[in-house]
């Protein structure tokens, strides 16, 4: 196994995941608080839940990359865990 190549690939994956985590979230439509159509409230709730799920998935993937980087540093990367 090419350790340096593995390190590069993990670093690239880390950067991509960190970028995705930083750019997540839907934009507020700027509507004034007060009465909102129930469908609009439901749509906002759906977007919030979707954003939370995407963020959780990205965070799990980032943690997996961190574990892989630790295994690479200890020389156990690529071995069955």
Protein backbone atom coordinates (compact mmCIF):
# COMPACT_ATOMS: atom_id res chain seq x y z
CA UNK A 1 0.00 0.00 0.00
CA UNK A 2 1.22 3.48 -0.87
CA UNK A 3 0.95 5.24 2.49
CA UNK A 4 1.57 8.68 1.04
CA UNK A 5 -1.20 8.22 -1.55
CA UNK A 6 -3.58 7.02 1.18
CA UNK A 7 -2.71 10.09 3.25
CA UNK A 8 -3.43 12.37 0.25
CA UNK A 9 -6.77 10.72 -0.44
CA UNK A 10 -7.83 10.94 3.20
CA UNK A 11 -6.80 14.60 3.35
CA UNK A 12 -8.80 15.35 0.20
CA UNK A 13 -11.85 13.57 1.63
CA UNK A 14 -11.47 15.50 4.91
CA UNK A 15 -11.36 18.84 3.06
CA UNK A 16 -14.45 17.93 1.03
CA UNK A 17 -16.41 16.85 4.10
CA UNK A 18 -15.41 19.94 6.07
CA UNK A 19 -16.42 22.14 3.12
CA UNK A 20 -19.77 20.38 2.86
CA UNK A 21 -20.38 20.76 6.60
CA UNK A 22 -19.58 24.46 6.37
CA UNK A 23 -21.92 25.03 3.43
CA UNK A 24 -24.92 23.11 4.65
CA UNK A 25 -28.27 24.56 5.60
CA UNK A 26 -31.09 26.16 3.75
CA UNK A 27 -31.52 29.89 3.54
CA UNK A 28 -34.13 31.80 5.52
CA UNK A 29 -36.66 33.36 3.18
CA UNK A 30 -36.72 36.57 5.23
CA UNK A 31 -40.44 36.33 5.94
CA UNK A 32 -41.53 38.30 8.98
CA UNK A 33 -42.45 36.23 12.03
CA UNK A 34 -46.14 35.97 12.67
CA UNK A 35 -48.79 34.14 10.73
CA UNK A 36 -47.39 31.64 8.31
CA UNK A 37 -49.21 29.28 6.06
CA UNK A 38 -49.22 25.77 7.55
CA UNK A 39 -47.69 24.41 4.34
CA UNK A 40 -44.81 26.89 4.66
CA UNK A 41 -44.23 25.88 8.29
CA UNK A 42 -44.23 22.21 7.28
CA UNK A 43 -41.81 22.88 4.43
CA UNK A 44 -39.43 24.72 6.79
CA UNK A 45 -39.62 21.88 9.29
CA UNK A 46 -38.91 19.37 6.53
CA UNK A 47 -35.88 21.37 5.37
CA UNK A 48 -34.58 21.62 8.94
CA UNK A 49 -34.91 17.86 9.43
CA UNK A 50 -33.26 17.15 6.10
CA UNK A 51 -30.39 19.50 6.97
CA UNK A 52 -29.92 17.76 10.33
CA UNK A 53 -29.83 14.33 8.66
CA UNK A 54 -27.31 15.46 6.05
CA UNK A 55 -25.14 17.07 8.74
CA UNK A 56 -25.21 13.88 10.82
CA UNK A 57 -24.18 11.80 7.81
CA UNK A 58 -21.34 14.18 6.95
CA UNK A 59 -20.16 14.16 10.56
CA UNK A 60 -20.14 10.34 10.64
CA UNK A 61 -18.11 10.26 7.44
CA UNK A 62 -15.66 12.81 8.85
CA UNK A 63 -15.24 10.69 11.99
CA UNK A 64 -14.53 7.65 9.79
CA UNK A 65 -11.83 9.63 7.97
CA UNK A 66 -10.32 10.63 11.33
CA UNK A 67 -10.24 6.99 12.43
CA UNK A 68 -8.58 6.03 9.14
CA UNK A 69 -5.99 8.78 9.60
CA UNK A 70 -5.20 7.45 13.09
CA UNK A 71 -4.81 3.91 11.73
CA UNK A 72 -2.55 5.27 9.00
CA UNK A 73 -0.39 6.98 11.63
CA UNK A 74 -0.09 3.77 13.67
CA UNK A 75 0.61 1.60 10.65
CA UNK A 76 -2.61 -0.40 10.84
CA UNK A 77 -4.44 1.28 7.95
CA UNK A 78 -5.69 -1.24 5.40
CA UNK A 79 -5.73 -4.09 7.90
CA UNK A 80 -9.00 -5.69 8.88
CA UNK A 81 -10.42 -4.14 12.02
